[in-house]
Amino acid sequence: MFSIIIPTWNNLDYLKLSVESIKKNSKYDHEIIVHINEDLDNTSHYLKENNIPFTLSDINIGVCKGVNIAVETYSTKDYIVYAHDDMYFAPDWDYYLINEINNLHHNNFYLSGTHISTSNSNDIFNCGVNSADFNEEKFLKNYQQYVSYDYQGPVIGIFVVHKEIWKKVNGFSEEFFPGCCSDDDLCMKIWNQGVRIFKGIHHSKCYHFGSIGINKSKIMKSENNMLFKNHKYTIGHYASNLFLLKWGITKHFFKKFYIRSDEVFDGPLQDPPITFRFIYYFLLCKIYYFLILLKFIIFKNK
């Protein structure tokens, strides 16, 4: 049914937990494809033992390029599912996504699951901060109580798109290294292709330890990008500025006014109405855009 693409960066214990949860808790048979960055923990040996196809890079090439390579090399299914290596998939996570796909009768969609993370304030949903202390029994007992409605827009977690949509927009944009904002950018690209169904399925759940791979690098410094030369930015700040420079609006503006993230799902999205509030925040985006652009010009001329 699905090509489940998982990029990993020396996170073998998490990856094992994730793979085993897919095998144990999926309703249907899927192909799992992994991209390995570096392989310092001998992830490749584990994957070979379990007959899981993988691609490999000697250095960390990031989420975006790794996923693109894995899809191009091994994917044979019609639907691409992206997942992190630190996710535990709940029972029947795939059934609810496939049921939704079957009800749509077309391929113009972006569906995502619902993730439960260590940041949840309610203690019944905190089932461990790492793979070693993950309380599987507690999670399986309580996960169904989390979120009781489908919602607009994507969240951090698994998502599924049809392969023809993926190919039409050339997958992830590799400039978003190591991966922050790449899902927002993908949503923008497929929005521009006319996709208007961005739906989070509350029944399709996973436990997410928190983007372990990306968060290994807390500070990002780019020596080759004049905009950020000689300055340190958090990965999120860097990626957010990149999104703004690429699209002319912030990712927060896009998620708030276009895909209406986290609102209760009420059908296919429409182009946002041009209200005073929309114009106000749009102008703020443009001011911020020109400030970032000015910074680029200043650094370029130094």
Protein backbone atom coordinates (compact mmCIF):
# COMPACT_ATOMS: atom_id res chain seq x y z
CA MET A 1 0.00 0.00 0.00
CA PHE A 2 2.51 2.63 1.22
CA SER A 3 6.16 3.35 0.63
CA ILE A 4 7.20 4.40 4.14
CA ILE A 5 10.34 6.51 3.88
CA ILE A 6 12.43 6.96 7.03
CA PRO A 7 15.65 8.99 7.09
CA THR A 8 17.96 8.15 10.00
CA TRP A 9 21.16 9.57 11.44
CA ASN A 10 22.86 7.22 13.91
CA ASN A 11 19.63 6.56 15.81
CA LEU A 12 19.54 2.78 15.63
CA ASP A 13 17.68 2.18 18.91
CA TYR A 14 14.90 4.56 17.86
CA LEU A 15 14.79 3.15 14.34
CA LYS A 16 14.41 -0.40 15.64
CA LEU A 17 11.47 0.68 17.80
CA SER A 18 9.88 2.48 14.86
CA VAL A 19 10.30 -0.40 12.40
CA GLU A 20 8.98 -2.93 14.87
CA SER A 21 5.92 -0.79 15.56
CA ILE A 22 5.18 -0.59 11.83
CA LYS A 23 5.44 -4.36 11.49
CA LYS A 24 3.38 -5.04 14.60
CA ASN A 25 0.70 -2.35 14.41
CA SER A 26 -0.01 -1.89 10.68
CA LYS A 27 -3.24 -3.23 9.25
CA TYR A 28 -1.73 -3.70 5.78
CA ASP A 29 1.61 -4.70 4.33
CA HIS A 30 3.86 -1.79 3.34
CA GLU A 31 7.38 -1.37 2.07
CA ILE A 32 9.78 0.33 4.47
CA ILE A 33 12.67 2.24 2.90
CA VAL A 34 15.41 3.87 4.96
CA HIS A 35 18.03 6.45 4.10
CA ILE A 36 21.08 6.19 6.36
CA ASN A 37 23.21 9.25 7.05
CA GLU A 38 26.78 8.29 8.07
CA ASP A 39 26.01 4.83 9.52
CA LEU A 40 28.36 5.22 12.49
CA ASP A 41 26.16 2.88 14.55
CA ASN A 42 26.01 0.14 11.88
CA THR A 43 22.36 0.71 11.04
CA SER A 44 22.98 -0.93 7.67
CA HIS A 45 23.70 -4.28 9.35
CA TYR A 46 20.33 -4.23 11.12
CA LEU A 47 18.50 -3.34 7.91
CA LYS A 48 20.25 -6.07 5.93
CA GLU A 49 19.33 -8.63 8.58
CA ASN A 50 15.70 -7.57 8.29
CA ASN A 51 15.62 -7.32 4.47
CA ILE A 52 14.78 -3.62 4.54
CA PRO A 53 16.05 -1.69 1.50
CA PHE A 54 18.11 1.40 2.21
CA THR A 55 20.22 4.08 0.63
CA LEU A 56 23.39 5.32 2.29
CA SER A 57 25.47 8.51 2.36
CA ASP A 58 28.88 8.72 4.02
CA ILE A 59 28.01 12.12 5.51
CA ASN A 60 24.81 13.63 6.87
CA ILE A 61 23.08 14.99 3.77
CA GLY A 62 19.94 15.82 5.74
CA VAL A 63 16.35 14.70 5.66
CA CYS A 64 15.33 16.24 2.33
CA LYS A 65 18.00 14.85 0.05
CA GLY A 66 18.03 11.51 1.85
CA VAL A 67 14.26 11.05 1.45
CA ASN A 68 14.37 12.12 -2.21
CA ILE A 69 17.10 9.58 -2.95
CA ALA A 70 15.25 6.79 -1.13
CA VAL A 71 12.00 7.48 -2.99
CA GLU A 72 13.75 7.61 -6.36
CA THR A 73 15.77 4.45 -5.73
CA TYR A 74 13.34 2.01 -4.15
CA SER A 75 9.74 3.23 -3.94
CA THR A 76 7.30 0.98 -5.84
CA LYS A 77 3.99 2.04 -4.26
CA ASP A 78 1.50 4.73 -5.26
CA TYR A 79 1.60 6.55 -1.92
CA ILE A 80 4.58 8.11 -0.17
CA VAL A 81 4.53 8.16 3.62
CA TYR A 82 7.20 10.21 5.35
CA ALA A 83 8.13 9.36 8.93
CA HIS A 84 10.85 10.20 11.43
CA ASP A 85 13.06 7.49 12.86
CA ASP A 86 11.91 8.35 16.39
CA MET A 87 8.22 7.53 15.94
CA TYR A 88 6.29 4.62 17.39
CA PHE A 89 3.24 3.83 15.21
CA ALA A 90 -0.03 3.12 17.02
CA PRO A 91 -2.25 0.17 16.08
CA ASP A 92 -4.11 0.58 12.77
CA TRP A 93 -2.45 3.94 12.05
CA ASP A 94 -2.52 3.02 8.35
CA TYR A 95 -6.12 1.78 8.23
CA TYR A 96 -7.52 5.23 8.98
CA LEU A 97 -5.34 6.94 6.38
CA ILE A 98 -6.21 4.40 3.71
CA ASN A 99 -9.90 4.62 4.56
CA GLU A 100 -9.72 8.40 4.10
CA ILE A 101 -7.90 8.03 0.77
CA ASN A 102 -10.52 5.59 -0.49
CA ASN A 103 -13.29 8.02 0.41
CA LEU A 104 -11.67 10.90 -1.49
CA HIS A 105 -11.65 9.24 -4.94
CA HIS A 106 -8.81 11.50 -6.14
CA ASN A 107 -5.12 12.10 -5.46
CA ASN A 108 -5.07 15.80 -4.63
CA PHE A 109 -4.54 15.61 -0.89
CA TYR A 110 -2.05 15.89 1.92
CA LEU A 111 -3.06 13.72 4.86
CA SER A 112 -1.22 13.58 8.15
CA GLY A 113 -1.50 11.55 11.31
CA THR A 114 -1.65 12.83 14.86
CA HIS A 115 1.47 12.71 16.96
CA ILE A 116 1.65 12.35 20.70
CA SER A 117 4.88 13.69 22.13
CA THR A 118 6.83 14.06 25.34
CA SER A 119 5.76 17.72 25.43
CA ASN A 120 2.12 16.84 26.09
CA SER A 121 1.13 18.33 29.44
CA ASN A 122 -1.25 15.53 30.37
CA ASP A 123 0.77 12.85 32.13
CA ILE A 124 -1.19 9.96 30.67
CA PHE A 125 0.26 10.77 27.24
CA ASN A 126 3.88 11.11 28.40
CA CYS A 127 5.22 7.64 27.79
CA GLY A 128 8.96 8.29 27.92
CA VAL A 129 11.54 10.80 26.77
CA ASN A 130 13.73 8.33 24.86
CA SER A 131 13.62 4.88 23.34
CA ALA A 132 15.14 3.23 26.41
CA ASP A 133 12.38 4.31 28.80
CA PHE A 134 9.45 4.18 26.38
CA ASN A 135 6.40 2.78 28.17
CA GLU A 136 4.70 0.90 25.38
CA GLU A 137 2.00 -0.53 27.64
CA LYS A 138 1.01 2.93 28.87
CA PHE A 139 0.91 4.31 25.34
CA LEU A 140 -1.26 1.47 24.01
CA LYS A 141 -3.63 1.90 26.94
CA ASN A 142 -4.13 5.65 26.50
CA TYR A 143 -3.38 6.75 22.92
CA GLN A 144 -6.97 6.53 21.68
CA GLN A 145 -8.02 9.26 24.13
CA TYR A 146 -5.77 11.86 22.50
CA VAL A 147 -7.56 14.34 20.15
CA SER A 148 -11.15 13.61 19.21
CA TYR A 149 -11.53 15.46 15.91
CA ASP A 150 -9.97 15.70 12.47
CA TYR A 151 -8.23 19.00 11.86
CA GLN A 152 -7.12 21.31 9.08
CA GLY A 153 -3.50 21.47 8.07
CA PRO A 154 -0.50 19.26 8.80
CA VAL A 155 1.44 18.80 12.02
CA ILE A 156 4.84 17.33 12.78
CA GLY A 157 4.44 13.63 12.19
CA ILE A 158 3.69 11.15 9.47
CA PHE A 159 2.10 12.37 6.26
CA VAL A 160 1.00 10.72 3.06
CA VAL A 161 0.77 12.08 -0.49
CA HIS A 162 0.27 10.37 -3.83
CA LYS A 163 3.46 9.73 -5.73
CA GLU A 164 2.27 11.73 -8.74
CA ILE A 165 1.93 14.82 -6.50
CA TRP A 166 5.34 14.11 -4.94
CA LYS A 167 6.99 13.89 -8.35
CA LYS A 168 5.16 16.92 -9.70
CA VAL A 169 6.81 19.14 -7.06
CA ASN A 170 10.12 17.19 -7.04
CA GLY A 171 9.66 15.98 -3.47
CA PHE A 172 11.37 17.81 -0.64
CA SER A 173 13.31 21.00 -1.42
CA GLU A 174 16.89 20.15 -0.57
CA GLU A 175 17.88 23.70 0.36
CA PHE A 176 16.00 23.16 3.64
CA PHE A 177 18.91 21.28 5.20
CA PRO A 178 18.82 19.49 7.58
CA GLY A 179 15.01 19.37 7.33
CA CYS A 180 13.26 22.12 9.29
CA CYS A 181 10.40 23.77 7.35
CA SER A 182 10.72 21.22 4.56
CA ASP A 183 7.19 19.96 5.25
CA ASP A 184 5.84 23.54 5.24
CA ASP A 185 7.62 24.14 1.94
CA LEU A 186 6.18 20.92 0.50
CA CYS A 187 2.69 22.04 1.53
CA MET A 188 3.23 25.39 -0.19
CA LYS A 189 4.40 23.67 -3.36
CA ILE A 190 1.41 21.36 -3.57
CA TRP A 191 -0.95 24.22 -2.61
CA ASN A 192 0.35 25.96 -5.73
CA GLN A 193 -0.52 22.79 -7.67
CA GLY A 194 -4.16 23.17 -6.62
CA VAL A 195 -4.29 20.79 -3.65
CA ARG A 196 -6.89 21.99 -1.15
CA ILE A 197 -7.34 19.03 1.15
CA PHE A 198 -4.85 19.24 4.01
CA LYS A 199 -6.34 17.01 6.66
CA GLY A 200 -5.07 15.61 9.94
CA ILE A 201 -6.67 12.26 10.80
CA HIS A 202 -7.11 12.03 14.55
CA HIS A 203 -7.48 8.24 14.61
CA SER A 204 -4.08 7.74 12.93
CA LYS A 205 -1.63 8.21 15.78
CA CYS A 206 2.03 7.80 16.62
CA TYR A 207 4.28 8.57 19.56
CA HIS A 208 7.00 11.04 18.64
CA PHE A 209 10.10 11.47 20.75
CA GLY A 210 10.80 14.86 19.18
CA SER A 211 12.81 14.98 15.90
CA ILE A 212 15.87 13.46 17.56
CA GLY A 213 17.97 13.53 14.38
CA ILE A 214 17.37 17.18 13.50
CA ASN A 215 17.73 18.30 17.09
CA LYS A 216 21.20 16.83 17.40
CA SER A 217 22.42 20.09 15.88
CA LYS A 218 21.03 22.93 18.00
CA ILE A 219 22.91 25.69 16.22
CA MET A 220 23.46 25.96 12.49
CA LYS A 221 26.13 28.06 10.85
CA SER A 222 26.35 28.37 7.10
CA GLU A 223 29.70 29.43 5.71
CA ASN A 224 28.50 29.37 2.11
CA ASN A 225 25.33 31.43 2.44
CA MET A 226 26.11 35.16 2.48
CA LEU A 227 22.86 35.91 4.30
CA PHE A 228 23.98 34.05 7.39
CA LYS A 229 27.77 34.28 7.14
CA ASN A 230 29.44 35.08 10.46
CA HIS A 231 26.12 34.70 12.29
CA LYS A 232 24.69 31.84 14.29
CA TYR A 233 21.02 30.96 13.95
CA THR A 234 18.96 28.20 15.40
CA ILE A 235 18.00 25.70 12.75
CA GLY A 236 14.37 26.77 12.98
CA HIS A 237 15.22 30.47 12.55
CA TYR A 238 17.43 29.74 9.57
CA ALA A 239 14.77 27.61 7.89
CA SER A 240 11.99 30.10 8.61
CA ASN A 241 13.97 32.90 6.96
CA LEU A 242 14.65 30.63 4.02
CA PHE A 243 10.93 29.95 3.64
CA LEU A 244 10.21 33.69 3.76
CA LEU A 245 12.82 34.53 1.13
CA LYS A 246 11.52 31.77 -1.14
CA TRP A 247 7.79 32.45 -0.89
CA GLY A 248 7.51 36.09 0.25
CA ILE A 249 5.42 35.17 3.30
CA THR A 250 6.26 33.53 6.61
CA LYS A 251 5.43 29.90 7.28
CA HIS A 252 3.21 31.06 10.16
CA PHE A 253 1.21 33.29 7.80
CA PHE A 254 0.81 30.40 5.36
CA LYS A 255 -0.33 28.00 8.07
CA LYS A 256 -2.70 30.51 9.68
CA PHE A 257 -4.42 32.01 6.64
CA TYR A 258 -4.02 29.36 3.93
CA ILE A 259 -4.10 25.88 5.44
CA ARG A 260 -5.62 26.99 8.78
CA SER A 261 -3.52 24.58 10.84
CA ASP A 262 -5.13 22.97 13.88
CA GLU A 263 -8.66 24.24 13.17
CA VAL A 264 -11.43 21.63 13.11
CA PHE A 265 -11.66 20.13 9.62
CA ASP A 266 -14.70 21.47 7.77
CA GLY A 267 -13.98 20.45 4.19
CA PRO A 268 -11.62 21.43 1.37
CA LEU A 269 -9.79 24.71 1.91
CA GLN A 270 -10.54 27.85 -0.05
CA ASP A 271 -8.26 30.73 -1.00
CA PRO A 272 -8.08 32.99 2.07
CA PRO A 273 -10.50 35.97 2.12
CA ILE A 274 -8.79 39.35 1.80
CA THR A 275 -9.76 40.86 5.12
CA PHE A 276 -8.18 43.75 7.04
CA ARG A 277 -6.49 41.19 9.29
CA PHE A 278 -5.11 39.30 6.28
CA ILE A 279 -3.74 42.53 4.76
CA TYR A 280 -2.20 43.63 8.07
CA TYR A 281 -0.26 40.41 8.57
CA PHE A 282 0.61 40.20 4.88
CA LEU A 283 2.23 43.66 5.09
CA LEU A 284 4.16 42.55 8.18
CA CYS A 285 5.47 39.62 6.15
CA LYS A 286 6.65 42.00 3.45
CA ILE A 287 8.39 44.28 5.94
CA TYR A 288 10.20 41.33 7.44
CA TYR A 289 11.03 40.06 3.95
CA PHE A 290 12.70 43.34 2.98
CA LEU A 291 14.62 43.48 6.27
CA ILE A 292 16.06 40.03 5.59
CA LEU A 293 16.78 41.02 2.00
CA LEU A 294 18.54 44.19 3.18
CA LYS A 295 20.67 42.12 5.53
CA PHE A 296 21.65 39.95 2.59
CA ILE A 297 22.67 42.98 0.53
CA ILE A 298 24.74 44.42 3.40
CA PHE A 299 26.62 41.18 3.99
CA LYS A 300 27.12 40.62 0.27
CA ASN A 301 28.82 44.00 -0.11
CA LYS A 302 31.15 43.56 2.86
